[in-house]
């Protein structure tokens, strides 16, 4: 245990579903706690405000490890969202994603989705501690030939994730270091699943200045067309959302509010794609910071690369806020 004099703390424990996995809890004196499990993909498993969890658990850790079914706050890497085909080419590199491999999760149409690192055990904790200002966890994953999935994304790089809890703000910094001789496509993202169990879904409100929407086909693959179609704002009602928004400026905020709480996802740096997902079969809203859109290697949208010896950093925040309740609520 490591505690700052101001009340920030870091507690070490075990995962609630799989006790053999070590968890790290960051504690803020402002009533927020965040739990991450480094040895299971550096996934965030809980984020509470005044003891109420705002994350959807879905199938929890068991389903995440067993079949790559995401929950909580998962990292999607080395690519986020869907690929239209298993074989991909960037520059002089061509590789094939092995659909059916335990590392690969397929969507309902068989498209590889959410990368290769769901539940990855190879993360190494470099720091976990509290100061007077924050509680911090930092971990590194070396993506190289030592991983059994390297051939499915043959680009050597390190991923360094730093999670900092200060006040009611969880700040997540992801750094990609190109440590090999080949430039690395930058295509990772995060997929927070939000839930407000004490408020009916129809009353949840979504707000955000997103408007450059990628047109998707029947299998949710971009057609290459982009339309000026803003994010529908206001109460969810019975709406279904599954949209990819492009050209998101740094500093953009997307808010999901319900009853006495609201969650703000802030696109601080390096995430110029936002996915907003609100399915009908489960009460959840996902606001996803992405460094690249769906099907990033097909060439339909400009793809960033990280040159050998260089690094790319992307930052987003999740801020938890208390809302005044009206009389009778």
C-alpha atoms as a PDB file:
ATOM      1  CA  UNK A   1       0.000   0.000   0.000  1.00  0.00           C
ATOM      2  CA  UNK A   2       1.195   3.498  -0.838  1.00  0.00           C
ATOM      3  CA  UNK A   3      -0.615   6.548   0.502  1.00  0.00           C
ATOM      4  CA  UNK A   4      -0.129  10.254  -0.051  1.00  0.00           C
ATOM      5  CA  UNK A   5      -0.497  12.654   2.853  1.00  0.00           C
ATOM      6  CA  UNK A   6      -3.523  14.278   1.196  1.00  0.00           C
ATOM      7  CA  UNK A   7      -5.589  11.092   1.157  1.00  0.00           C
ATOM      8  CA  UNK A   8      -4.620   9.636  -2.218  1.00  0.00           C
ATOM      9  CA  UNK A   9      -3.909   5.941  -1.972  1.00  0.00           C
ATOM     10  CA  UNK A  10      -2.985   2.853  -3.974  1.00  0.00           C
ATOM     11  CA  UNK A  11      -4.300  -0.493  -2.780  1.00  0.00           C
ATOM     12  CA  UNK A  12      -3.261  -3.909  -4.028  1.00  0.00           C
ATOM     13  CA  UNK A  13      -5.736  -6.784  -4.139  1.00  0.00           C
ATOM     14  CA  UNK A  14      -7.197  -9.422  -6.438  1.00  0.00           C
ATOM     15  CA  UNK A  15      -9.808  -9.401  -9.175  1.00  0.00           C
ATOM     16  CA  UNK A  16     -13.373 -10.005  -8.013  1.00  0.00           C
ATOM     17  CA  UNK A  17     -14.016 -12.659 -10.699  1.00  0.00           C
ATOM     18  CA  UNK A  18     -10.583 -14.290 -10.975  1.00  0.00           C
ATOM     19  CA  UNK A  19      -8.819 -14.154  -7.593  1.00  0.00           C
ATOM     20  CA  UNK A  20      -5.537 -15.291  -9.130  1.00  0.00           C
ATOM     21  CA  UNK A  21      -5.193 -11.944 -10.909  1.00  0.00           C
ATOM     22  CA  UNK A  22      -3.676  -9.020  -9.027  1.00  0.00           C
ATOM     23  CA  UNK A  23      -5.606  -5.746  -9.085  1.00  0.00           C
ATOM     24  CA  UNK A  24      -4.507  -2.178  -8.357  1.00  0.00           C
ATOM     25  CA  UNK A  25      -6.999   0.317  -6.919  1.00  0.00           C
ATOM     26  CA  UNK A  26      -6.353   4.049  -7.210  1.00  0.00           C
ATOM     27  CA  UNK A  27      -8.132   6.030  -4.500  1.00  0.00           C
ATOM     28  CA  UNK A  28      -8.998   9.732  -4.483  1.00  0.00           C
ATOM     29  CA  UNK A  29     -10.134  11.619  -1.366  1.00  0.00           C
ATOM     30  CA  UNK A  30     -12.875  13.104  -3.571  1.00  0.00           C
ATOM     31  CA  UNK A  31     -14.898   9.890  -3.505  1.00  0.00           C
ATOM     32  CA  UNK A  32     -13.559   8.186  -6.647  1.00  0.00           C
ATOM     33  CA  UNK A  33     -11.879   4.790  -6.906  1.00  0.00           C
ATOM     34  CA  UNK A  34     -10.522   3.163 -10.082  1.00  0.00           C
ATOM     35  CA  UNK A  35      -9.505  -0.500 -10.329  1.00  0.00           C
ATOM     36  CA  UNK A  36      -7.170  -1.872 -13.009  1.00  0.00           C
ATOM     37  CA  UNK A  37      -5.821  -5.375 -13.613  1.00  0.00           C
ATOM     38  CA  UNK A  38      -2.464  -5.076 -15.426  1.00  0.00           C
ATOM     39  CA  UNK A  39      -1.990  -8.817 -16.055  1.00  0.00           C
ATOM     40  CA  UNK A  40      -5.315  -9.008 -17.935  1.00  0.00           C
ATOM     41  CA  UNK A  41      -4.743  -6.504 -20.705  1.00  0.00           C
ATOM     42  CA  UNK A  42      -4.344  -3.485 -18.384  1.00  0.00           C
ATOM     43  CA  UNK A  43      -8.146  -3.432 -18.244  1.00  0.00           C
ATOM     44  CA  UNK A  44     -10.068  -1.082 -15.955  1.00  0.00           C
ATOM     45  CA  UNK A  45     -12.626  -3.177 -14.088  1.00  0.00           C
ATOM     46  CA  UNK A  46     -14.332  -0.600 -11.861  1.00  0.00           C
ATOM     47  CA  UNK A  47     -14.744   3.167 -11.600  1.00  0.00           C
ATOM     48  CA  UNK A  48     -16.849   4.349  -8.694  1.00  0.00           C
ATOM     49  CA  UNK A  49     -18.169   7.693  -7.515  1.00  0.00           C
ATOM     50  CA  UNK A  50     -19.368   7.651  -3.911  1.00  0.00           C
ATOM     51  CA  UNK A  51     -19.382   3.863  -4.059  1.00  0.00           C
ATOM     52  CA  UNK A  52     -21.527   3.593  -7.224  1.00  0.00           C
ATOM     53  CA  UNK A  53     -19.833   1.935 -10.209  1.00  0.00           C
ATOM     54  CA  UNK A  54     -20.368   3.743 -13.527  1.00  0.00           C
ATOM     55  CA  UNK A  55     -18.869   0.924 -15.626  1.00  0.00           C
ATOM     56  CA  UNK A  56     -20.807  -1.914 -17.246  1.00  0.00           C
ATOM     57  CA  UNK A  57     -19.383  -5.320 -16.344  1.00  0.00           C
ATOM     58  CA  UNK A  58     -21.209  -7.382 -18.983  1.00  0.00           C
ATOM     59  CA  UNK A  59     -19.633 -10.867 -18.691  1.00  0.00           C
ATOM     60  CA  UNK A  60     -16.844  -9.564 -16.470  1.00  0.00           C
ATOM     61  CA  UNK A  61     -13.316 -10.885 -16.367  1.00  0.00           C
ATOM     62  CA  UNK A  62     -14.308 -14.474 -17.088  1.00  0.00           C
ATOM     63  CA  UNK A  63     -15.833 -13.633 -20.483  1.00  0.00           C
ATOM     64  CA  UNK A  64     -13.007 -11.207 -21.241  1.00  0.00           C
ATOM     65  CA  UNK A  65     -10.331 -13.857 -20.731  1.00  0.00           C
ATOM     66  CA  UNK A  66     -12.383 -16.657 -22.245  1.00  0.00           C
ATOM     67  CA  UNK A  67     -13.577 -15.082 -25.479  1.00  0.00           C
ATOM     68  CA  UNK A  68     -12.371 -11.484 -25.622  1.00  0.00           C
ATOM     69  CA  UNK A  69     -15.767 -10.031 -24.692  1.00  0.00           C
ATOM     70  CA  UNK A  70     -14.868  -6.557 -23.470  1.00  0.00           C
ATOM     71  CA  UNK A  71     -16.114  -4.813 -20.323  1.00  0.00           C
ATOM     72  CA  UNK A  72     -15.128  -1.973 -18.021  1.00  0.00           C
ATOM     73  CA  UNK A  73     -12.347   0.069 -19.664  1.00  0.00           C
ATOM     74  CA  UNK A  74     -10.447  -2.180 -22.088  1.00  0.00           C
ATOM     75  CA  UNK A  75      -7.491  -1.181 -24.245  1.00  0.00           C
ATOM     76  CA  UNK A  76      -7.975  -2.097 -27.916  1.00  0.00           C
ATOM     77  CA  UNK A  77      -4.577  -2.694 -29.521  1.00  0.00           C
ATOM     78  CA  UNK A  78      -2.681  -2.876 -31.770  1.00  0.00           C
ATOM     79  CA  UNK A  79      -5.814  -1.891 -33.680  1.00  0.00           C
ATOM     80  CA  UNK A  80      -9.235  -0.780 -32.510  1.00  0.00           C
ATOM     81  CA  UNK A  81     -12.580  -1.748 -33.969  1.00  0.00           C
ATOM     82  CA  UNK A  82     -13.152  -3.942 -37.044  1.00  0.00           C
ATOM     83  CA  UNK A  83     -11.026  -5.073 -39.961  1.00  0.00           C
ATOM     84  CA  UNK A  84     -12.849  -5.762 -43.228  1.00  0.00           C
ATOM     85  CA  UNK A  85     -10.603  -8.735 -44.054  1.00  0.00           C
ATOM     86  CA  UNK A  86      -7.997 -10.900 -42.277  1.00  0.00           C
ATOM     87  CA  UNK A  87      -5.128  -9.984 -44.646  1.00  0.00           C
ATOM     88  CA  UNK A  88      -3.791  -6.450 -44.292  1.00  0.00           C
ATOM     89  CA  UNK A  89      -1.054  -4.360 -45.927  1.00  0.00           C
ATOM     90  CA  UNK A  90       0.702  -1.197 -44.781  1.00  0.00           C
ATOM     91  CA  UNK A  91       3.721  -0.068 -46.776  1.00  0.00           C
ATOM     92  CA  UNK A  92       5.950  -3.075 -47.488  1.00  0.00           C
ATOM     93  CA  UNK A  93       4.380  -5.202 -44.725  1.00  0.00           C
ATOM     94  CA  UNK A  94       1.596  -7.698 -45.388  1.00  0.00           C
ATOM     95  CA  UNK A  95       0.193  -9.859 -42.620  1.00  0.00           C
ATOM     96  CA  UNK A  96      -2.818 -12.035 -41.855  1.00  0.00           C
ATOM     97  CA  UNK A  97      -4.944 -12.001 -38.719  1.00  0.00           C
ATOM     98  CA  UNK A  98      -5.826 -15.578 -37.749  1.00  0.00           C
ATOM     99  CA  UNK A  99      -9.574 -15.509 -37.207  1.00  0.00           C
ATOM    100  CA  UNK A 100     -10.292 -18.262 -34.678  1.00  0.00           C
ATOM    101  CA  UNK A 101      -6.996 -17.777 -32.861  1.00  0.00           C
ATOM    102  CA  UNK A 102      -7.574 -17.370 -29.096  1.00  0.00           C
ATOM    103  CA  UNK A 103      -6.065 -13.868 -29.340  1.00  0.00           C
ATOM    104  CA  UNK A 104      -8.564 -12.777 -32.009  1.00  0.00           C
ATOM    105  CA  UNK A 105     -12.143 -11.820 -31.228  1.00  0.00           C
ATOM    106  CA  UNK A 106     -14.602 -11.817 -34.126  1.00  0.00           C
ATOM    107  CA  UNK A 107     -17.777  -9.769 -34.423  1.00  0.00           C
ATOM    108  CA  UNK A 108     -21.155 -11.177 -35.499  1.00  0.00           C
ATOM    109  CA  UNK A 109     -20.042 -11.134 -39.140  1.00  0.00           C
ATOM    110  CA  UNK A 110     -16.680 -12.780 -38.503  1.00  0.00           C
ATOM    111  CA  UNK A 111     -14.624  -9.608 -38.818  1.00  0.00           C
ATOM    112  CA  UNK A 112     -11.560  -9.426 -36.524  1.00  0.00           C
ATOM    113  CA  UNK A 113     -12.283  -6.789 -33.900  1.00  0.00           C
ATOM    114  CA  UNK A 114     -10.541  -5.082 -30.965  1.00  0.00           C
ATOM    115  CA  UNK A 115      -6.976  -6.138 -31.651  1.00  0.00           C
ATOM    116  CA  UNK A 116      -4.832  -8.869 -30.109  1.00  0.00           C
ATOM    117  CA  UNK A 117      -4.305  -7.861 -26.480  1.00  0.00           C
ATOM    118  CA  UNK A 118      -7.609  -8.612 -24.735  1.00  0.00           C
ATOM    119  CA  UNK A 119      -6.625 -10.156 -21.422  1.00  0.00           C
ATOM    120  CA  UNK A 120      -2.904 -10.059 -22.288  1.00  0.00           C
ATOM    121  CA  UNK A 121      -0.781 -11.239 -19.359  1.00  0.00           C
ATOM    122  CA  UNK A 122       2.491  -9.686 -20.576  1.00  0.00           C
ATOM    123  CA  UNK A 123       2.071  -6.252 -18.989  1.00  0.00           C
ATOM    124  CA  UNK A 124       4.793  -5.268 -16.503  1.00  0.00           C
ATOM    125  CA  UNK A 125       3.974  -2.797 -13.731  1.00  0.00           C
ATOM    126  CA  UNK A 126       6.630  -0.074 -13.584  1.00  0.00           C
ATOM    127  CA  UNK A 127       5.079   2.145 -10.927  1.00  0.00           C
ATOM    128  CA  UNK A 128       2.147   2.166  -8.531  1.00  0.00           C
ATOM    129  CA  UNK A 129       2.067   4.863  -5.907  1.00  0.00           C
ATOM    130  CA  UNK A 130       0.353   7.893  -4.432  1.00  0.00           C
ATOM    131  CA  UNK A 131       1.532  11.440  -3.832  1.00  0.00           C
ATOM    132  CA  UNK A 132      -0.113  14.524  -2.381  1.00  0.00           C
ATOM    133  CA  UNK A 133      -1.620  15.225  -5.810  1.00  0.00           C
ATOM    134  CA  UNK A 134      -2.655  11.918  -7.367  1.00  0.00           C
ATOM    135  CA  UNK A 135      -2.628   8.128  -7.371  1.00  0.00           C
ATOM    136  CA  UNK A 136      -0.734   6.678 -10.342  1.00  0.00           C
ATOM    137  CA  UNK A 137      -0.307   3.308 -12.046  1.00  0.00           C
ATOM    138  CA  UNK A 138       2.067   2.764 -14.982  1.00  0.00           C
ATOM    139  CA  UNK A 139       2.630  -0.456 -16.934  1.00  0.00           C
ATOM    140  CA  UNK A 140       4.490  -1.489 -20.102  1.00  0.00           C
ATOM    141  CA  UNK A 141       3.918  -4.157 -22.744  1.00  0.00           C
ATOM    142  CA  UNK A 142       6.661  -5.130 -25.192  1.00  0.00           C
ATOM    143  CA  UNK A 143       5.067  -6.080 -28.499  1.00  0.00           C
ATOM    144  CA  UNK A 144       7.746  -8.123 -30.245  1.00  0.00           C
ATOM    145  CA  UNK A 145       8.650 -11.627 -31.362  1.00  0.00           C
ATOM    146  CA  UNK A 146       8.299 -12.938 -27.812  1.00  0.00           C
ATOM    147  CA  UNK A 147       4.493 -12.692 -28.195  1.00  0.00           C
ATOM    148  CA  UNK A 148       2.698 -15.558 -29.889  1.00  0.00           C
ATOM    149  CA  UNK A 149       0.555 -13.043 -31.797  1.00  0.00           C
ATOM    150  CA  UNK A 150       3.419 -10.968 -33.239  1.00  0.00           C
ATOM    151  CA  UNK A 151       3.007 -12.367 -36.776  1.00  0.00           C
ATOM    152  CA  UNK A 152      -0.540 -10.970 -36.782  1.00  0.00           C
ATOM    153  CA  UNK A 153       0.834  -7.423 -36.443  1.00  0.00           C
ATOM    154  CA  UNK A 154       4.561  -7.589 -37.314  1.00  0.00           C
ATOM    155  CA  UNK A 155       5.635  -4.203 -35.931  1.00  0.00           C
ATOM    156  CA  UNK A 156       7.923  -4.086 -32.900  1.00  0.00           C
ATOM    157  CA  UNK A 157       6.827  -1.478 -30.368  1.00  0.00           C
ATOM    158  CA  UNK A 158       6.316  -0.830 -26.673  1.00  0.00           C
ATOM    159  CA  UNK A 159       3.026   0.314 -25.206  1.00  0.00           C
ATOM    160  CA  UNK A 160       3.217   2.295 -21.977  1.00  0.00           C
ATOM    161  CA  UNK A 161      -0.044   3.092 -20.189  1.00  0.00           C
ATOM    162  CA  UNK A 162      -0.128   5.572 -17.303  1.00  0.00           C
ATOM    163  CA  UNK A 163      -3.351   5.905 -15.332  1.00  0.00           C
ATOM    164  CA  UNK A 164      -3.568   8.911 -12.998  1.00  0.00           C
ATOM    165  CA  UNK A 165      -6.448   9.653 -10.639  1.00  0.00           C
ATOM    166  CA  UNK A 166      -6.573  13.264  -9.422  1.00  0.00           C
ATOM    167  CA  UNK A 167      -9.705  14.605  -7.804  1.00  0.00           C
ATOM    168  CA  UNK A 168     -12.607  13.174  -9.781  1.00  0.00           C
ATOM    169  CA  UNK A 169     -10.630  12.906 -13.034  1.00  0.00           C
ATOM    170  CA  UNK A 170      -9.108   9.679 -14.349  1.00  0.00           C
ATOM    171  CA  UNK A 171      -6.421  10.545 -16.902  1.00  0.00           C
ATOM    172  CA  UNK A 172      -5.178   7.759 -19.198  1.00  0.00           C
ATOM    173  CA  UNK A 173      -1.984   8.321 -21.179  1.00  0.00           C
ATOM    174  CA  UNK A 174      -0.948   5.755 -23.779  1.00  0.00           C
ATOM    175  CA  UNK A 175       2.493   5.968 -25.370  1.00  0.00           C
ATOM    176  CA  UNK A 176       3.542   3.921 -28.387  1.00  0.00           C
ATOM    177  CA  UNK A 177       7.330   3.648 -28.777  1.00  0.00           C
ATOM    178  CA  UNK A 178       8.575   2.345 -32.122  1.00  0.00           C
ATOM    179  CA  UNK A 179      11.548   0.246 -30.978  1.00  0.00           C
ATOM    180  CA  UNK A 180      12.124  -1.733 -34.184  1.00  0.00           C
ATOM    181  CA  UNK A 181      13.367  -0.871 -37.669  1.00  0.00           C
ATOM    182  CA  UNK A 182       9.895  -0.531 -39.209  1.00  0.00           C
ATOM    183  CA  UNK A 183       7.427   2.336 -38.788  1.00  0.00           C
ATOM    184  CA  UNK A 184       4.417   1.285 -36.688  1.00  0.00           C
ATOM    185  CA  UNK A 185       0.805   2.011 -37.731  1.00  0.00           C
ATOM    186  CA  UNK A 186      -0.951   3.979 -34.986  1.00  0.00           C
ATOM    187  CA  UNK A 187      -4.388   2.450 -34.567  1.00  0.00           C
ATOM    188  CA  UNK A 188      -5.073   1.727 -30.875  1.00  0.00           C
ATOM    189  CA  UNK A 189      -8.014   2.944 -28.814  1.00  0.00           C
ATOM    190  CA  UNK A 190     -10.016   2.519 -25.609  1.00  0.00           C
ATOM    191  CA  UNK A 191     -13.584   1.292 -25.147  1.00  0.00           C
ATOM    192  CA  UNK A 192     -15.140   2.491 -21.836  1.00  0.00           C
ATOM    193  CA  UNK A 193     -18.505   0.849 -21.110  1.00  0.00           C
ATOM    194  CA  UNK A 194     -20.678   3.185 -18.997  1.00  0.00           C
ATOM    195  CA  UNK A 195     -23.716   2.152 -16.980  1.00  0.00           C
ATOM    196  CA  UNK A 196     -26.068   3.941 -14.587  1.00  0.00           C
ATOM    197  CA  UNK A 197     -27.912   1.089 -12.866  1.00  0.00           C
ATOM    198  CA  UNK A 198     -30.239   3.273 -10.792  1.00  0.00           C
ATOM    199  CA  UNK A 199     -31.629   5.296 -13.748  1.00  0.00           C
ATOM    200  CA  UNK A 200     -33.672   3.880 -16.683  1.00  0.00           C
ATOM    201  CA  UNK A 201     -31.722   3.907 -19.958  1.00  0.00           C
ATOM    202  CA  UNK A 202     -34.378   6.013 -21.702  1.00  0.00           C
ATOM    203  CA  UNK A 203     -33.546   8.881 -19.319  1.00  0.00           C
ATOM    204  CA  UNK A 204     -29.804   8.872 -19.963  1.00  0.00           C
ATOM    205  CA  UNK A 205     -28.642  11.951 -21.853  1.00  0.00           C
ATOM    206  CA  UNK A 206     -25.782  12.138 -24.345  1.00  0.00           C
ATOM    207  CA  UNK A 207     -24.193  15.415 -25.422  1.00  0.00           C
ATOM    208  CA  UNK A 208     -21.153  16.147 -27.559  1.00  0.00           C
ATOM    209  CA  UNK A 209     -20.037  18.280 -30.546  1.00  0.00           C
ATOM    210  CA  UNK A 210     -19.395  15.357 -32.906  1.00  0.00           C
ATOM    211  CA  UNK A 211     -20.528  15.780 -36.513  1.00  0.00           C
ATOM    212  CA  UNK A 212     -18.141  14.297 -39.141  1.00  0.00           C
ATOM    213  CA  UNK A 213     -19.651  10.812 -39.355  1.00  0.00           C
ATOM    214  CA  UNK A 214     -18.198   7.937 -41.384  1.00  0.00           C
ATOM    215  CA  UNK A 215     -20.812   6.132 -43.463  1.00  0.00           C
ATOM    216  CA  UNK A 216     -20.925   2.431 -42.573  1.00  0.00           C
ATOM    217  CA  UNK A 217     -22.237  -0.501 -44.570  1.00  0.00           C
ATOM    218  CA  UNK A 218     -24.538  -3.234 -43.266  1.00  0.00           C
ATOM    219  CA  UNK A 219     -21.574  -4.923 -41.511  1.00  0.00           C
ATOM    220  CA  UNK A 220     -20.372  -1.672 -39.876  1.00  0.00           C
ATOM    221  CA  UNK A 221     -17.418  -1.283 -42.241  1.00  0.00           C
ATOM    222  CA  UNK A 222     -16.764   2.256 -43.557  1.00  0.00           C
ATOM    223  CA  UNK A 223     -17.728   2.797 -47.189  1.00  0.00           C
ATOM    224  CA  UNK A 224     -15.236   5.657 -47.555  1.00  0.00           C
ATOM    225  CA  UNK A 225     -17.926   8.329 -47.538  1.00  0.00           C
ATOM    226  CA  UNK A 226     -18.160  10.950 -44.795  1.00  0.00           C
ATOM    227  CA  UNK A 227     -21.292  12.948 -43.996  1.00  0.00           C
ATOM    228  CA  UNK A 228     -22.064  15.999 -41.896  1.00  0.00           C
ATOM    229  CA  UNK A 229     -24.398  14.176 -39.521  1.00  0.00           C
ATOM    230  CA  UNK A 230     -24.193  15.345 -35.895  1.00  0.00           C
ATOM    231  CA  UNK A 231     -24.411  13.068 -32.900  1.00  0.00           C
ATOM    232  CA  UNK A 232     -28.054  13.011 -31.731  1.00  0.00           C
ATOM    233  CA  UNK A 233     -28.067  14.854 -28.418  1.00  0.00           C
ATOM    234  CA  UNK A 234     -30.418  14.613 -25.480  1.00  0.00           C
ATOM    235  CA  UNK A 235     -32.264  11.723 -23.868  1.00  0.00           C
ATOM    236  CA  UNK A 236     -31.491   8.303 -25.343  1.00  0.00           C
ATOM    237  CA  UNK A 237     -35.062   7.067 -25.268  1.00  0.00           C
ATOM    238  CA  UNK A 238     -35.130   3.945 -27.425  1.00  0.00           C
ATOM    239  CA  UNK A 239     -32.391   5.143 -29.809  1.00  0.00           C
ATOM    240  CA  UNK A 240     -29.667   2.819 -31.075  1.00  0.00           C
ATOM    241  CA  UNK A 241     -26.241   4.381 -31.658  1.00  0.00           C
ATOM    242  CA  UNK A 242     -23.191   2.866 -33.339  1.00  0.00           C
ATOM    243  CA  UNK A 243     -21.335   5.681 -35.048  1.00  0.00           C
ATOM    244  CA  UNK A 244     -17.774   6.580 -36.031  1.00  0.00           C
ATOM    245  CA  UNK A 245     -16.948  10.295 -35.914  1.00  0.00           C
ATOM    246  CA  UNK A 246     -13.828  11.727 -37.547  1.00  0.00           C
ATOM    247  CA  UNK A 247     -11.685  14.852 -37.165  1.00  0.00           C
ATOM    248  CA  UNK A 248     -12.359  15.184 -33.442  1.00  0.00           C
ATOM    249  CA  UNK A 249     -10.397  18.200 -32.131  1.00  0.00           C
ATOM    250  CA  UNK A 250      -8.267  17.969 -29.006  1.00  0.00           C
ATOM    251  CA  UNK A 251     -10.272  19.172 -26.030  1.00  0.00           C
ATOM    252  CA  UNK A 252     -13.606  17.792 -27.254  1.00  0.00           C
ATOM    253  CA  UNK A 253     -15.914  16.613 -24.454  1.00  0.00           C
ATOM    254  CA  UNK A 254     -18.700  14.032 -24.719  1.00  0.00           C
ATOM    255  CA  UNK A 255     -21.021  13.781 -21.708  1.00  0.00           C
ATOM    256  CA  UNK A 256     -23.326  10.990 -20.589  1.00  0.00           C
ATOM    257  CA  UNK A 257     -25.626  12.064 -17.746  1.00  0.00           C
ATOM    258  CA  UNK A 258     -28.135  10.111 -15.683  1.00  0.00           C
ATOM    259  CA  UNK A 259     -29.853  11.130 -12.481  1.00  0.00           C
ATOM    260  CA  UNK A 260     -27.357  12.347  -9.873  1.00  0.00           C
ATOM    261  CA  UNK A 261     -24.218  11.538 -11.905  1.00  0.00           C
ATOM    262  CA  UNK A 262     -22.593  12.369 -15.203  1.00  0.00           C
ATOM    263  CA  UNK A 263     -19.499  11.115 -16.963  1.00  0.00           C
ATOM    264  CA  UNK A 264     -17.395  13.341 -19.217  1.00  0.00           C
ATOM    265  CA  UNK A 265     -15.001  11.782 -21.723  1.00  0.00           C
ATOM    266  CA  UNK A 266     -12.437  14.391 -22.706  1.00  0.00           C
ATOM    267  CA  UNK A 267     -10.325  13.925 -25.845  1.00  0.00           C
ATOM    268  CA  UNK A 268      -7.203  15.611 -24.536  1.00  0.00           C
ATOM    269  CA  UNK A 269      -4.561  14.723 -27.132  1.00  0.00           C
ATOM    270  CA  UNK A 270      -4.050  12.421 -30.078  1.00  0.00           C
ATOM    271  CA  UNK A 271      -7.505  10.842 -30.349  1.00  0.00           C
ATOM    272  CA  UNK A 272      -9.115  12.287 -33.461  1.00  0.00           C
ATOM    273  CA  UNK A 273     -11.720   9.538 -33.848  1.00  0.00           C
ATOM    274  CA  UNK A 274     -14.706   8.973 -31.545  1.00  0.00           C
ATOM    275  CA  UNK A 275     -16.994   5.965 -31.562  1.00  0.00           C
ATOM    276  CA  UNK A 276     -20.323   6.302 -29.725  1.00  0.00           C
ATOM    277  CA  UNK A 277     -22.119   3.007 -29.122  1.00  0.00           C
ATOM    278  CA  UNK A 278     -25.446   2.557 -27.348  1.00  0.00           C
ATOM    279  CA  UNK A 279     -26.929  -0.892 -28.064  1.00  0.00           C
ATOM    280  CA  UNK A 280     -30.479  -1.931 -27.299  1.00  0.00           C
ATOM    281  CA  UNK A 281     -29.716  -5.389 -25.901  1.00  0.00           C
ATOM    282  CA  UNK A 282     -27.769  -4.055 -22.909  1.00  0.00           C
ATOM    283  CA  UNK A 283     -28.085  -0.818 -20.935  1.00  0.00           C
ATOM    284  CA  UNK A 284     -24.784   0.867 -21.663  1.00  0.00           C
ATOM    285  CA  UNK A 285     -23.252   3.781 -23.549  1.00  0.00           C
ATOM    286  CA  UNK A 286     -19.696   3.592 -24.847  1.00  0.00           C
ATOM    287  CA  UNK A 287     -17.725   6.728 -25.692  1.00  0.00           C
ATOM    288  CA  UNK A 288     -14.521   5.474 -27.280  1.00  0.00           C
ATOM    289  CA  UNK A 289     -11.314   7.461 -27.905  1.00  0.00           C
ATOM    290  CA  UNK A 290      -9.577   6.086 -31.018  1.00  0.00           C
ATOM    291  CA  UNK A 291      -6.339   6.995 -32.812  1.00  0.00           C
ATOM    292  CA  UNK A 292      -7.718   5.565 -36.075  1.00  0.00           C
ATOM    293  CA  UNK A 293     -11.147   4.699 -37.466  1.00  0.00           C
ATOM    294  CA  UNK A 294     -12.678   1.313 -38.187  1.00  0.00           C
ATOM    295  CA  UNK A 295     -10.753  -0.727 -40.801  1.00  0.00           C
ATOM    296  CA  UNK A 296      -7.714   1.548 -40.482  1.00  0.00           C
ATOM    297  CA  UNK A 297      -5.294  -0.290 -42.812  1.00  0.00           C
ATOM    298  CA  UNK A 298      -7.455  -0.274 -45.971  1.00  0.00           C
ATOM    299  CA  UNK A 299      -6.344   3.232 -46.949  1.00  0.00           C
ATOM    300  CA  UNK A 300      -9.787   4.822 -46.955  1.00  0.00           C
ATOM    301  CA  UNK A 301      -8.659   7.358 -44.323  1.00  0.00           C
ATOM    302  CA  UNK A 302      -5.163   8.777 -43.598  1.00  0.00           C
ATOM    303  CA  UNK A 303      -3.214   6.477 -41.287  1.00  0.00           C
ATOM    304  CA  UNK A 304      -0.598   7.786 -38.881  1.00  0.00           C
ATOM    305  CA  UNK A 305       2.640   5.877 -38.412  1.00  0.00           C
ATOM    306  CA  UNK A 306       5.278   6.128 -35.715  1.00  0.00           C
ATOM    307  CA  UNK A 307       8.767   6.185 -37.179  1.00  0.00           C
ATOM    308  CA  UNK A 308      11.579   4.018 -35.730  1.00  0.00           C
ATOM    309  CA  UNK A 309      13.040   5.567 -32.607  1.00  0.00           C
ATOM    310  CA  UNK A 310      10.080   7.891 -32.128  1.00  0.00           C
ATOM    311  CA  UNK A 311       7.000   7.826 -29.900  1.00  0.00           C
ATOM    312  CA  UNK A 312       3.341   8.765 -30.225  1.00  0.00           C
ATOM    313  CA  UNK A 313       1.328   9.784 -27.157  1.00  0.00           C
ATOM    314  CA  UNK A 314      -2.446   9.933 -26.813  1.00  0.00           C
ATOM    315  CA  UNK A 315      -4.373  11.125 -23.763  1.00  0.00           C
ATOM    316  CA  UNK A 316      -8.002  11.045 -22.700  1.00  0.00           C
ATOM    317  CA  UNK A 317      -9.781  11.704 -19.412  1.00  0.00           C
ATOM    318  CA  UNK A 318     -12.891  10.417 -17.722  1.00  0.00           C
ATOM    319  CA  UNK A 319     -14.301  12.967 -15.296  1.00  0.00           C
ATOM    320  CA  UNK A 320     -17.030  11.974 -12.849  1.00  0.00           C
ATOM    321  CA  UNK A 321     -19.423  14.702 -11.756  1.00  0.00           C
ATOM    322  CA  UNK A 322     -22.229  14.935  -9.239  1.00  0.00           C
ATOM    323  CA  UNK A 323     -25.410  16.560 -10.516  1.00  0.00           C
ATOM    324  CA  UNK A 324     -28.017  18.329  -8.365  1.00  0.00           C
ATOM    325  CA  UNK A 325     -31.196  16.285  -8.160  1.00  0.00           C
ATOM    326  CA  UNK A 326     -34.627  17.796  -8.541  1.00  0.00           C
ATOM    327  CA  UNK A 327     -37.172  17.595  -5.762  1.00  0.00           C
ATOM    328  CA  UNK A 328     -38.873  14.210  -5.805  1.00  0.00           C
ATOM    329  CA  UNK A 329     -36.075  12.360  -7.637  1.00  0.00           C
END
